[in-house]
Amino acid sequence: MGVPYRFGGDAPATGFDCSGLVQYVFDAHHVDLPRTVGEQYGRGIRISIQDVRAGDLVFFSTTGPGPTHVGIALGKGEFIHAPATNGVVRIEHYDTPYWHDRLIGARRMF
């Protein structure tokens, strides 16, 4: 929490981008994931938003068509992510209007 966003970032000491945070957390739990949002979106099992549970990945289309942002579901509609420039790693609800309108899918990795 609170680690600054950094494009291409993949470590707490230097900052995270969204997919770098996801890869870092999953690596800490010995789950191998690719580095980019698009590649992460191609992994795992597609699940409905109603079936999302803690540890699932939630994907959003924020800067263009297709998956461009990813976070880790925490349960009860919350997810942790590394938002855009000038942001920090934080928890938000994916049912707020901004995120709900951009939510494009969820994947279960294990």
PDB file of N, CA and C in Angstrom:
ATOM      1  N   MET A   1       0.847  -1.179   0.000  1.00  0.00           N
ATOM      2  CA  MET A   1       0.000   0.000   0.000  1.00  0.00           C
ATOM      3  C   MET A   1       0.892   1.241   0.000  1.00  0.00           C
ATOM      4  N   GLY A   2       0.494   2.229  -0.767  1.00  0.00           N
ATOM      5  CA  GLY A   2       1.194   3.499  -0.758  1.00  0.00           C
ATOM      6  C   GLY A   2       2.436   3.578  -1.618  1.00  0.00           C
ATOM      7  N   VAL A   3       2.839   2.469  -2.242  1.00  0.00           N
ATOM      8  CA  VAL A   3       4.021   2.490  -3.116  1.00  0.00           C
ATOM      9  C   VAL A   3       3.673   3.313  -4.361  1.00  0.00           C
ATOM     10  N   PRO A   4       4.538   4.222  -4.764  1.00  0.00           N
ATOM     11  CA  PRO A   4       4.229   5.067  -5.924  1.00  0.00           C
ATOM     12  C   PRO A   4       4.111   4.283  -7.226  1.00  0.00           C
ATOM     13  N   TYR A   5       3.270   4.806  -8.113  1.00  0.00           N
ATOM     14  CA  TYR A   5       3.162   4.263  -9.459  1.00  0.00           C
ATOM     15  C   TYR A   5       4.413   4.637 -10.244  1.00  0.00           C
ATOM     16  N   ARG A   6       4.900   3.695 -11.019  1.00  0.00           N
ATOM     17  CA  ARG A   6       5.984   3.975 -11.954  1.00  0.00           C
ATOM     18  C   ARG A   6       5.797   3.084 -13.173  1.00  0.00           C
ATOM     19  N   PHE A   7       5.680   3.695 -14.342  1.00  0.00           N
ATOM     20  CA  PHE A   7       5.523   2.932 -15.571  1.00  0.00           C
ATOM     21  C   PHE A   7       6.681   1.956 -15.702  1.00  0.00           C
ATOM     22  N   GLY A   8       6.372   0.686 -15.904  1.00  0.00           N
ATOM     23  CA  GLY A   8       7.399  -0.341 -16.008  1.00  0.00           C
ATOM     24  C   GLY A   8       7.904  -0.832 -14.668  1.00  0.00           C
ATOM     25  N   GLY A   9       7.375  -0.280 -13.578  1.00  0.00           N
ATOM     26  CA  GLY A   9       7.851  -0.634 -12.242  1.00  0.00           C
ATOM     27  C   GLY A   9       7.404  -2.012 -11.812  1.00  0.00           C
ATOM     28  N   ASP A  10       8.311  -2.716 -11.126  1.00  0.00           N
ATOM     29  CA  ASP A  10       7.986  -4.072 -10.697  1.00  0.00           C
ATOM     30  C   ASP A  10       8.561  -4.443  -9.336  1.00  0.00           C
ATOM     31  N   ALA A  11       8.844  -3.424  -8.503  1.00  0.00           N
ATOM     32  CA  ALA A  11       9.397  -3.685  -7.174  1.00  0.00           C
ATOM     33  C   ALA A  11       8.969  -2.588  -6.204  1.00  0.00           C
ATOM     34  N   PRO A  12       8.769  -2.933  -4.932  1.00  0.00           N
ATOM     35  CA  PRO A  12       8.337  -1.927  -3.966  1.00  0.00           C
ATOM     36  C   PRO A  12       9.345  -0.791  -3.777  1.00  0.00           C
ATOM     37  N   ALA A  13      10.618  -1.068  -3.936  1.00  0.00           N
ATOM     38  CA  ALA A  13      11.640  -0.036  -3.722  1.00  0.00           C
ATOM     39  C   ALA A  13      11.646   1.020  -4.828  1.00  0.00           C
ATOM     40  N   THR A  14      11.179   0.631  -6.025  1.00  0.00           N
ATOM     41  CA  THR A  14      11.250   1.562  -7.157  1.00  0.00           C
ATOM     42  C   THR A  14       9.887   1.976  -7.681  1.00  0.00           C
ATOM     43  N   GLY A  15       8.835   1.303  -7.257  1.00  0.00           N
ATOM     44  CA  GLY A  15       7.483   1.611  -7.707  1.00  0.00           C
ATOM     45  C   GLY A  15       6.914   0.510  -8.577  1.00  0.00           C
ATOM     46  N   PHE A  16       5.595   0.563  -8.760  1.00  0.00           N
ATOM     47  CA  PHE A  16       4.881  -0.451  -9.535  1.00  0.00           C
ATOM     48  C   PHE A  16       4.009   0.186 -10.604  1.00  0.00           C
ATOM     49  N   ASP A  17       3.888  -0.498 -11.731  1.00  0.00           N
ATOM     50  CA  ASP A  17       2.734  -0.258 -12.584  1.00  0.00           C
ATOM     51  C   ASP A  17       1.774  -1.411 -12.286  1.00  0.00           C
ATOM     52  N   CYS A  18       0.603  -1.400 -12.901  1.00  0.00           N
ATOM     53  CA  CYS A  18      -0.424  -2.364 -12.498  1.00  0.00           C
ATOM     54  C   CYS A  18       0.004  -3.816 -12.699  1.00  0.00           C
ATOM     55  N   SER A  19       0.521  -4.133 -13.866  1.00  0.00           N
ATOM     56  CA  SER A  19       0.896  -5.523 -14.129  1.00  0.00           C
ATOM     57  C   SER A  19       2.160  -5.923 -13.375  1.00  0.00           C
ATOM     58  N   GLY A  20       3.025  -4.968 -13.104  1.00  0.00           N
ATOM     59  CA  GLY A  20       4.210  -5.246 -12.289  1.00  0.00           C
ATOM     60  C   GLY A  20       3.841  -5.608 -10.866  1.00  0.00           C
ATOM     61  N   LEU A  21       2.844  -4.912 -10.314  1.00  0.00           N
ATOM     62  CA  LEU A  21       2.351  -5.233  -8.969  1.00  0.00           C
ATOM     63  C   LEU A  21       1.768  -6.637  -8.947  1.00  0.00           C
ATOM     64  N   VAL A  22       0.931  -6.948  -9.925  1.00  0.00           N
ATOM     65  CA  VAL A  22       0.316  -8.275  -9.989  1.00  0.00           C
ATOM     66  C   VAL A  22       1.379  -9.352 -10.103  1.00  0.00           C
ATOM     67  N   GLN A  23       2.329  -9.171 -10.998  1.00  0.00           N
ATOM     68  CA  GLN A  23       3.380 -10.162 -11.174  1.00  0.00           C
ATOM     69  C   GLN A  23       4.195 -10.325  -9.879  1.00  0.00           C
ATOM     70  N   TYR A  24       4.517  -9.230  -9.219  1.00  0.00           N
ATOM     71  CA  TYR A  24       5.290  -9.267  -7.978  1.00  0.00           C
ATOM     72  C   TYR A  24       4.554 -10.058  -6.889  1.00  0.00           C
ATOM     73  N   VAL A  25       3.272  -9.773  -6.707  1.00  0.00           N
ATOM     74  CA  VAL A  25       2.489 -10.449  -5.663  1.00  0.00           C
ATOM     75  C   VAL A  25       2.359 -11.934  -5.969  1.00  0.00           C
ATOM     76  N   PHE A  26       2.060 -12.270  -7.209  1.00  0.00           N
ATOM     77  CA  PHE A  26       1.911 -13.678  -7.550  1.00  0.00           C
ATOM     78  C   PHE A  26       3.237 -14.413  -7.456  1.00  0.00           C
ATOM     79  N   ASP A  27       4.327 -13.774  -7.842  1.00  0.00           N
ATOM     80  CA  ASP A  27       5.648 -14.386  -7.717  1.00  0.00           C
ATOM     81  C   ASP A  27       5.967 -14.691  -6.253  1.00  0.00           C
ATOM     82  N   ALA A  28       5.560 -13.808  -5.354  1.00  0.00           N
ATOM     83  CA  ALA A  28       5.794 -14.040  -3.916  1.00  0.00           C
ATOM     84  C   ALA A  28       5.061 -15.286  -3.429  1.00  0.00           C
ATOM     85  N   HIS A  29       4.039 -15.702  -4.177  1.00  0.00           N
ATOM     86  CA  HIS A  29       3.274 -16.905  -3.837  1.00  0.00           C
ATOM     87  C   HIS A  29       3.567 -18.048  -4.802  1.00  0.00           C
ATOM     88  N   HIS A  30       4.696 -17.931  -5.517  1.00  0.00           N
ATOM     89  CA  HIS A  30       5.198 -18.974  -6.409  1.00  0.00           C
ATOM     90  C   HIS A  30       4.244 -19.291  -7.561  1.00  0.00           C
ATOM     91  N   VAL A  31       3.556 -18.256  -8.058  1.00  0.00           N
ATOM     92  CA  VAL A  31       2.703 -18.394  -9.237  1.00  0.00           C
ATOM     93  C   VAL A  31       3.335 -17.553 -10.335  1.00  0.00           C
ATOM     94  N   ASP A  32       3.716 -18.222 -11.419  1.00  0.00           N
ATOM     95  CA  ASP A  32       4.390 -17.551 -12.526  1.00  0.00           C
ATOM     96  C   ASP A  32       3.368 -16.887 -13.447  1.00  0.00           C
ATOM     97  N   LEU A  33       3.495 -15.578 -13.598  1.00  0.00           N
ATOM     98  CA  LEU A  33       2.630 -14.831 -14.514  1.00  0.00           C
ATOM     99  C   LEU A  33       3.489 -14.014 -15.457  1.00  0.00           C
ATOM    100  N   PRO A  34       2.998 -13.783 -16.668  1.00  0.00           N
ATOM    101  CA  PRO A  34       3.738 -12.904 -17.580  1.00  0.00           C
ATOM    102  C   PRO A  34       3.693 -11.462 -17.089  1.00  0.00           C
ATOM    103  N   ARG A  35       4.412 -10.579 -17.748  1.00  0.00           N
ATOM    104  CA  ARG A  35       4.619  -9.221 -17.273  1.00  0.00           C
ATOM    105  C   ARG A  35       3.546  -8.227 -17.684  1.00  0.00           C
ATOM    106  N   THR A  36       2.925  -8.377 -18.842  1.00  0.00           N
ATOM    107  CA  THR A  36       2.027  -7.328 -19.318  1.00  0.00           C
ATOM    108  C   THR A  36       0.556  -7.651 -19.051  1.00  0.00           C
ATOM    109  N   VAL A  37      -0.266  -6.606 -19.032  1.00  0.00           N
ATOM    110  CA  VAL A  37      -1.707  -6.775 -18.813  1.00  0.00           C
ATOM    111  C   VAL A  37      -2.299  -7.711 -19.861  1.00  0.00           C
ATOM    112  N   GLY A  38      -1.970  -7.481 -21.119  1.00  0.00           N
ATOM    113  CA  GLY A  38      -2.510  -8.317 -22.186  1.00  0.00           C
ATOM    114  C   GLY A  38      -2.154  -9.782 -22.029  1.00  0.00           C
ATOM    115  N   GLU A  39      -0.924 -10.049 -21.667  1.00  0.00           N
ATOM    116  CA  GLU A  39      -0.497 -11.439 -21.464  1.00  0.00           C
ATOM    117  C   GLU A  39      -1.172 -12.040 -20.238  1.00  0.00           C
ATOM    118  N   GLN A  40      -1.321 -11.260 -19.172  1.00  0.00           N
ATOM    119  CA  GLN A  40      -1.989 -11.748 -17.970  1.00  0.00           C
ATOM    120  C   GLN A  40      -3.459 -12.053 -18.262  1.00  0.00           C
ATOM    121  N   TYR A  41      -4.087 -11.238 -19.105  1.00  0.00           N
ATOM    122  CA  TYR A  41      -5.483 -11.442 -19.474  1.00  0.00           C
ATOM    123  C   TYR A  41      -5.676 -12.761 -20.220  1.00  0.00           C
ATOM    124  N   GLY A  42      -4.660 -13.217 -20.891  1.00  0.00           N
ATOM    125  CA  GLY A  42      -4.740 -14.475 -21.619  1.00  0.00           C
ATOM    126  C   GLY A  42      -4.524 -15.706 -20.765  1.00  0.00           C
ATOM    127  N   ARG A  43      -4.204 -15.536 -19.509  1.00  0.00           N
ATOM    128  CA  ARG A  43      -3.934 -16.659 -18.605  1.00  0.00           C
ATOM    129  C   ARG A  43      -5.144 -16.972 -17.735  1.00  0.00           C
ATOM    130  N   GLY A  44      -5.088 -18.113 -17.108  1.00  0.00           N
ATOM    131  CA  GLY A  44      -6.104 -18.481 -16.132  1.00  0.00           C
ATOM    132  C   GLY A  44      -7.434 -18.854 -16.756  1.00  0.00           C
ATOM    133  N   ILE A  45      -8.428 -18.921 -15.898  1.00  0.00           N
ATOM    134  CA  ILE A  45      -9.779 -19.309 -16.289  1.00  0.00           C
ATOM    135  C   ILE A  45     -10.668 -18.083 -16.233  1.00  0.00           C
ATOM    136  N   ARG A  46     -11.388 -17.827 -17.319  1.00  0.00           N
ATOM    137  CA  ARG A  46     -12.335 -16.709 -17.349  1.00  0.00           C
ATOM    138  C   ARG A  46     -13.461 -17.001 -16.356  1.00  0.00           C
ATOM    139  N   ILE A  47     -13.792 -16.018 -15.531  1.00  0.00           N
ATOM    140  CA  ILE A  47     -14.886 -16.155 -14.569  1.00  0.00           C
ATOM    141  C   ILE A  47     -15.793 -14.935 -14.674  1.00  0.00           C
ATOM    142  N   SER A  48     -17.015 -15.088 -14.233  1.00  0.00           N
ATOM    143  CA  SER A  48     -17.939 -13.956 -14.239  1.00  0.00           C
ATOM    144  C   SER A  48     -17.618 -13.045 -13.053  1.00  0.00           C
ATOM    145  N   ILE A  49     -18.000 -11.807 -13.181  1.00  0.00           N
ATOM    146  CA  ILE A  49     -17.761 -10.836 -12.108  1.00  0.00           C
ATOM    147  C   ILE A  49     -18.467 -11.281 -10.828  1.00  0.00           C
ATOM    148  N   GLN A  50     -19.624 -11.913 -10.955  1.00  0.00           N
ATOM    149  CA  GLN A  50     -20.357 -12.388  -9.787  1.00  0.00           C
ATOM    150  C   GLN A  50     -19.599 -13.480  -9.035  1.00  0.00           C
ATOM    151  N   ASP A  51     -18.683 -14.170  -9.706  1.00  0.00           N
ATOM    152  CA  ASP A  51     -17.929 -15.261  -9.087  1.00  0.00           C
ATOM    153  C   ASP A  51     -16.542 -14.848  -8.603  1.00  0.00           C
ATOM    154  N   VAL A  52     -16.196 -13.577  -8.706  1.00  0.00           N
ATOM    155  CA  VAL A  52     -14.868 -13.111  -8.299  1.00  0.00           C
ATOM    156  C   VAL A  52     -14.684 -13.313  -6.803  1.00  0.00           C
ATOM    157  N   ARG A  53     -13.509 -13.834  -6.461  1.00  0.00           N
ATOM    158  CA  ARG A  53     -13.141 -13.984  -5.050  1.00  0.00           C
ATOM    159  C   ARG A  53     -11.716 -13.470  -4.860  1.00  0.00           C
ATOM    160  N   ALA A  54     -11.309 -13.349  -3.636  1.00  0.00           N
ATOM    161  CA  ALA A  54      -9.974 -12.834  -3.320  1.00  0.00           C
ATOM    162  C   ALA A  54      -8.916 -13.629  -4.074  1.00  0.00           C
ATOM    163  N   GLY A  55      -7.989 -12.899  -4.693  1.00  0.00           N
ATOM    164  CA  GLY A  55      -6.903 -13.509  -5.449  1.00  0.00           C
ATOM    165  C   GLY A  55      -7.143 -13.555  -6.942  1.00  0.00           C
ATOM    166  N   ASP A  56      -8.380 -13.369  -7.369  1.00  0.00           N
ATOM    167  CA  ASP A  56      -8.659 -13.316  -8.802  1.00  0.00           C
ATOM    168  C   ASP A  56      -8.164 -11.992  -9.371  1.00  0.00           C
ATOM    169  N   LEU A  57      -7.919 -11.970 -10.665  1.00  0.00           N
ATOM    170  CA  LEU A  57      -7.518 -10.739 -11.332  1.00  0.00           C
ATOM    171  C   LEU A  57      -8.721 -10.103 -12.002  1.00  0.00           C
ATOM    172  N   VAL A  58      -8.837  -8.791 -11.863  1.00  0.00           N
ATOM    173  CA  VAL A  58      -9.897  -8.034 -12.524  1.00  0.00           C
ATOM    174  C   VAL A  58      -9.241  -7.116 -13.545  1.00  0.00           C
ATOM    175  N   PHE A  59      -9.834  -7.070 -14.736  1.00  0.00           N
ATOM    176  CA  PHE A  59      -9.251  -6.355 -15.863  1.00  0.00           C
ATOM    177  C   PHE A  59     -10.173  -5.241 -16.337  1.00  0.00           C
ATOM    178  N   PHE A  60      -9.536  -4.161 -16.762  1.00  0.00           N
ATOM    179  CA  PHE A  60     -10.253  -2.960 -17.169  1.00  0.00           C
ATOM    180  C   PHE A  60      -9.692  -2.443 -18.489  1.00  0.00           C
ATOM    181  N   SER A  61     -10.541  -1.743 -19.210  1.00  0.00           N
ATOM    182  CA  SER A  61     -10.125  -1.035 -20.416  1.00  0.00           C
ATOM    183  C   SER A  61     -10.138   0.456 -20.071  1.00  0.00           C
ATOM    184  N   THR A  62      -8.957   1.026 -19.865  1.00  0.00           N
ATOM    185  CA  THR A  62      -8.870   2.409 -19.385  1.00  0.00           C
ATOM    186  C   THR A  62      -8.281   3.381 -20.402  1.00  0.00           C
ATOM    187  N   THR A  63      -7.299   2.944 -21.155  1.00  0.00           N
ATOM    188  CA  THR A  63      -6.603   3.870 -22.061  1.00  0.00           C
ATOM    189  C   THR A  63      -6.764   3.499 -23.529  1.00  0.00           C
ATOM    190  N   GLY A  64      -7.525   2.471 -23.794  1.00  0.00           N
ATOM    191  CA  GLY A  64      -7.738   2.026 -25.158  1.00  0.00           C
ATOM    192  C   GLY A  64      -8.569   0.776 -25.152  1.00  0.00           C
ATOM    193  N   PRO A  65      -8.874   0.234 -26.314  1.00  0.00           N
ATOM    194  CA  PRO A  65      -9.677  -0.983 -26.363  1.00  0.00           C
ATOM    195  C   PRO A  65      -8.913  -2.181 -25.807  1.00  0.00           C
ATOM    196  N   GLY A  66      -9.640  -3.107 -25.241  1.00  0.00           N
ATOM    197  CA  GLY A  66      -9.026  -4.307 -24.678  1.00  0.00           C
ATOM    198  C   GLY A  66      -8.478  -4.058 -23.290  1.00  0.00           C
ATOM    199  N   PRO A  67      -7.848  -5.076 -22.721  1.00  0.00           N
ATOM    200  CA  PRO A  67      -7.335  -4.956 -21.352  1.00  0.00           C
ATOM    201  C   PRO A  67      -6.122  -4.019 -21.285  1.00  0.00           C
ATOM    202  N   THR A  68      -6.229  -2.977 -20.479  1.00  0.00           N
ATOM    203  CA  THR A  68      -5.117  -2.036 -20.306  1.00  0.00           C
ATOM    204  C   THR A  68      -4.777  -1.804 -18.834  1.00  0.00           C
ATOM    205  N   HIS A  69      -5.570  -2.384 -17.936  1.00  0.00           N
ATOM    206  CA  HIS A  69      -5.313  -2.208 -16.505  1.00  0.00           C
ATOM    207  C   HIS A  69      -5.753  -3.471 -15.781  1.00  0.00           C
ATOM    208  N   VAL A  70      -5.029  -3.821 -14.708  1.00  0.00           N
ATOM    209  CA  VAL A  70      -5.325  -5.030 -13.943  1.00  0.00           C
ATOM    210  C   VAL A  70      -5.150  -4.754 -12.458  1.00  0.00           C
ATOM    211  N   GLY A  71      -5.945  -5.441 -11.667  1.00  0.00           N
ATOM    212  CA  GLY A  71      -5.820  -5.391 -10.220  1.00  0.00           C
ATOM    213  C   GLY A  71      -6.115  -6.760  -9.638  1.00  0.00           C
ATOM    214  N   ILE A  72      -5.851  -6.908  -8.354  1.00  0.00           N
ATOM    215  CA  ILE A  72      -6.086  -8.169  -7.654  1.00  0.00           C
ATOM    216  C   ILE A  72      -7.308  -7.996  -6.761  1.00  0.00           C
ATOM    217  N   ALA A  73      -8.303  -8.855  -6.964  1.00  0.00           N
ATOM    218  CA  ALA A  73      -9.517  -8.799  -6.155  1.00  0.00           C
ATOM    219  C   ALA A  73      -9.209  -9.162  -4.713  1.00  0.00           C
ATOM    220  N   LEU A  74      -9.859  -8.452  -3.802  1.00  0.00           N
ATOM    221  CA  LEU A  74      -9.701  -8.705  -2.371  1.00  0.00           C
ATOM    222  C   LEU A  74     -10.969  -9.275  -1.747  1.00  0.00           C
ATOM    223  N   GLY A  75     -12.041  -9.296  -2.513  1.00  0.00           N
ATOM    224  CA  GLY A  75     -13.342  -9.721  -2.012  1.00  0.00           C
ATOM    225  C   GLY A  75     -14.226  -8.521  -1.737  1.00  0.00           C
ATOM    226  N   LYS A  76     -15.532  -8.769  -1.680  1.00  0.00           N
ATOM    227  CA  LYS A  76     -16.528  -7.735  -1.395  1.00  0.00           C
ATOM    228  C   LYS A  76     -16.420  -6.537  -2.334  1.00  0.00           C
ATOM    229  N   GLY A  77     -16.069  -6.785  -3.599  1.00  0.00           N
ATOM    230  CA  GLY A  77     -16.008  -5.726  -4.592  1.00  0.00           C
ATOM    231  C   GLY A  77     -14.781  -4.849  -4.531  1.00  0.00           C
ATOM    232  N   GLU A  78     -13.814  -5.199  -3.707  1.00  0.00           N
ATOM    233  CA  GLU A  78     -12.587  -4.406  -3.598  1.00  0.00           C
ATOM    234  C   GLU A  78     -11.463  -5.045  -4.397  1.00  0.00           C
ATOM    235  N   PHE A  79     -10.555  -4.200  -4.867  1.00  0.00           N
ATOM    236  CA  PHE A  79      -9.342  -4.688  -5.522  1.00  0.00           C
ATOM    237  C   PHE A  79      -8.192  -3.756  -5.185  1.00  0.00           C
ATOM    238  N   ILE A  80      -6.987  -4.314  -5.225  1.00  0.00           N
ATOM    239  CA  ILE A  80      -5.772  -3.530  -5.006  1.00  0.00           C
ATOM    240  C   ILE A  80      -5.092  -3.384  -6.356  1.00  0.00           C
ATOM    241  N   HIS A  81      -4.558  -2.191  -6.599  1.00  0.00           N
ATOM    242  CA  HIS A  81      -3.934  -1.940  -7.897  1.00  0.00           C
ATOM    243  C   HIS A  81      -2.970  -0.773  -7.800  1.00  0.00           C
ATOM    244  N   ALA A  82      -2.196  -0.625  -8.848  1.00  0.00           N
ATOM    245  CA  ALA A  82      -1.279   0.505  -8.995  1.00  0.00           C
ATOM    246  C   ALA A  82      -1.855   1.387 -10.099  1.00  0.00           C
ATOM    247  N   PRO A  83      -2.542   2.459  -9.722  1.00  0.00           N
ATOM    248  CA  PRO A  83      -3.170   3.308 -10.737  1.00  0.00           C
ATOM    249  C   PRO A  83      -2.159   4.171 -11.480  1.00  0.00           C
ATOM    250  N   ALA A  84      -2.658   5.060 -12.265  1.00  0.00           N
ATOM    251  CA  ALA A  84      -1.848   5.858 -13.190  1.00  0.00           C
ATOM    252  C   ALA A  84      -0.839   6.770 -12.513  1.00  0.00           C
ATOM    253  N   THR A  85      -0.071   7.449 -13.359  1.00  0.00           N
ATOM    254  CA  THR A  85       0.951   8.389 -12.934  1.00  0.00           C
ATOM    255  C   THR A  85       0.448   9.276 -11.799  1.00  0.00           C
ATOM    256  N   ASN A  86       1.308   9.524 -10.838  1.00  0.00           N
ATOM    257  CA  ASN A  86       1.034  10.309  -9.628  1.00  0.00           C
ATOM    258  C   ASN A  86       0.153   9.577  -8.629  1.00  0.00           C
ATOM    259  N   GLY A  87      -0.189   8.326  -8.902  1.00  0.00           N
ATOM    260  CA  GLY A  87      -0.960   7.529  -7.967  1.00  0.00           C
ATOM    261  C   GLY A  87      -0.055   6.672  -7.102  1.00  0.00           C
ATOM    262  N   VAL A  88      -0.669   5.974  -6.172  1.00  0.00           N
ATOM    263  CA  VAL A  88       0.041   5.021  -5.318  1.00  0.00           C
ATOM    264  C   VAL A  88      -0.783   3.741  -5.268  1.00  0.00           C
ATOM    265  N   VAL A  89      -0.142   2.636  -4.907  1.00  0.00           N
ATOM    266  CA  VAL A  89      -0.852   1.372  -4.756  1.00  0.00           C
ATOM    267  C   VAL A  89      -1.936   1.568  -3.704  1.00  0.00           C
ATOM    268  N   ARG A  90      -3.173   1.219  -4.081  1.00  0.00           N
ATOM    269  CA  ARG A  90      -4.289   1.461  -3.167  1.00  0.00           C
ATOM    270  C   ARG A  90      -5.428   0.478  -3.437  1.00  0.00           C
ATOM    271  N   ILE A  91      -6.377   0.485  -2.528  1.00  0.00           N
ATOM    272  CA  ILE A  91      -7.567  -0.349  -2.625  1.00  0.00           C
ATOM    273  C   ILE A  91      -8.737   0.524  -3.064  1.00  0.00           C
ATOM    274  N   GLU A  92      -9.502  -0.012  -4.027  1.00  0.00           N
ATOM    275  CA  GLU A  92     -10.702   0.674  -4.490  1.00  0.00           C
ATOM    276  C   GLU A  92     -11.797  -0.367  -4.713  1.00  0.00           C
ATOM    277  N   HIS A  93     -13.004   0.105  -4.984  1.00  0.00           N
ATOM    278  CA  HIS A  93     -14.145  -0.760  -5.305  1.00  0.00           C
ATOM    279  C   HIS A  93     -14.346  -0.779  -6.809  1.00  0.00           C
ATOM    280  N   TYR A  94     -14.475  -1.974  -7.372  1.00  0.00           N
ATOM    281  CA  TYR A  94     -14.687  -2.036  -8.819  1.00  0.00           C
ATOM    282  C   TYR A  94     -16.147  -1.818  -9.205  1.00  0.00           C
ATOM    283  N   ASP A  95     -17.011  -1.583  -8.231  1.00  0.00           N
ATOM    284  CA  ASP A  95     -18.394  -1.258  -8.570  1.00  0.00           C
ATOM    285  C   ASP A  95     -18.671   0.246  -8.548  1.00  0.00           C
ATOM    286  N   THR A  96     -17.647   1.077  -8.311  1.00  0.00           N
ATOM    287  CA  THR A  96     -17.838   2.520  -8.444  1.00  0.00           C
ATOM    288  C   THR A  96     -18.034   2.836  -9.921  1.00  0.00           C
ATOM    289  N   PRO A  97     -18.693   3.942 -10.254  1.00  0.00           N
ATOM    290  CA  PRO A  97     -18.977   4.219 -11.665  1.00  0.00           C
ATOM    291  C   PRO A  97     -17.741   4.175 -12.576  1.00  0.00           C
ATOM    292  N   TYR A  98     -16.633   4.772 -12.146  1.00  0.00           N
ATOM    293  CA  TYR A  98     -15.452   4.803 -13.019  1.00  0.00           C
ATOM    294  C   TYR A  98     -14.998   3.390 -13.357  1.00  0.00           C
ATOM    295  N   TRP A  99     -14.791   2.547 -12.361  1.00  0.00           N
ATOM    296  CA  TRP A  99     -14.265   1.205 -12.600  1.00  0.00           C
ATOM    297  C   TRP A  99     -15.319   0.289 -13.206  1.00  0.00           C
ATOM    298  N   HIS A 100     -16.553   0.387 -12.754  1.00  0.00           N
ATOM    299  CA  HIS A 100     -17.619  -0.453 -13.290  1.00  0.00           C
ATOM    300  C   HIS A 100     -17.764  -0.271 -14.805  1.00  0.00           C
ATOM    301  N   ASP A 101     -17.698   0.976 -15.266  1.00  0.00           N
ATOM    302  CA  ASP A 101     -17.843   1.266 -16.690  1.00  0.00           C
ATOM    303  C   ASP A 101     -16.679   0.748 -17.524  1.00  0.00           C
ATOM    304  N   ARG A 102     -15.564   0.442 -16.903  1.00  0.00           N
ATOM    305  CA  ARG A 102     -14.365   0.019 -17.622  1.00  0.00           C
ATOM    306  C   ARG A 102     -14.007  -1.454 -17.398  1.00  0.00           C
ATOM    307  N   LEU A 103     -14.736  -2.122 -16.520  1.00  0.00           N
ATOM    308  CA  LEU A 103     -14.478  -3.527 -16.195  1.00  0.00           C
ATOM    309  C   LEU A 103     -14.793  -4.399 -17.404  1.00  0.00           C
ATOM    310  N   ILE A 104     -13.819  -5.193 -17.844  1.00  0.00           N
ATOM    311  CA  ILE A 104     -14.042  -6.031 -19.030  1.00  0.00           C
ATOM    312  C   ILE A 104     -13.927  -7.526 -18.746  1.00  0.00           C
ATOM    313  N   GLY A 105     -13.472  -7.906 -17.554  1.00  0.00           N
ATOM    314  CA  GLY A 105     -13.403  -9.328 -17.273  1.00  0.00           C
ATOM    315  C   GLY A 105     -12.614  -9.648 -16.031  1.00  0.00           C
ATOM    316  N   ALA A 106     -12.651 -10.930 -15.692  1.00  0.00           N
ATOM    317  CA  ALA A 106     -11.924 -11.438 -14.518  1.00  0.00           C
ATOM    318  C   ALA A 106     -11.365 -12.807 -14.863  1.00  0.00           C
ATOM    319  N   ARG A 107     -10.246 -13.122 -14.236  1.00  0.00           N
ATOM    320  CA  ARG A 107      -9.579 -14.402 -14.455  1.00  0.00           C
ATOM    321  C   ARG A 107      -9.150 -14.986 -13.104  1.00  0.00           C
ATOM    322  N   ARG A 108      -9.246 -16.291 -13.020  1.00  0.00           N
ATOM    323  CA  ARG A 108      -8.765 -17.020 -11.842  1.00  0.00           C
ATOM    324  C   ARG A 108      -7.484 -17.738 -12.250  1.00  0.00           C
ATOM    325  N   MET A 109      -6.426 -17.483 -11.500  1.00  0.00           N
ATOM    326  CA  MET A 109      -5.115 -18.043 -11.859  1.00  0.00           C
ATOM    327  C   MET A 109      -4.813 -19.353 -11.138  1.00  0.00           C
ATOM    328  N   PHE A 110      -5.515 -19.630 -10.069  1.00  0.00           N
ATOM    329  CA  PHE A 110      -5.273 -20.888  -9.339  1.00  0.00           C
ATOM    330  C   PHE A 110      -6.515 -21.314  -8.616  1.00  0.00           C
TER     331      PHE A 110
END
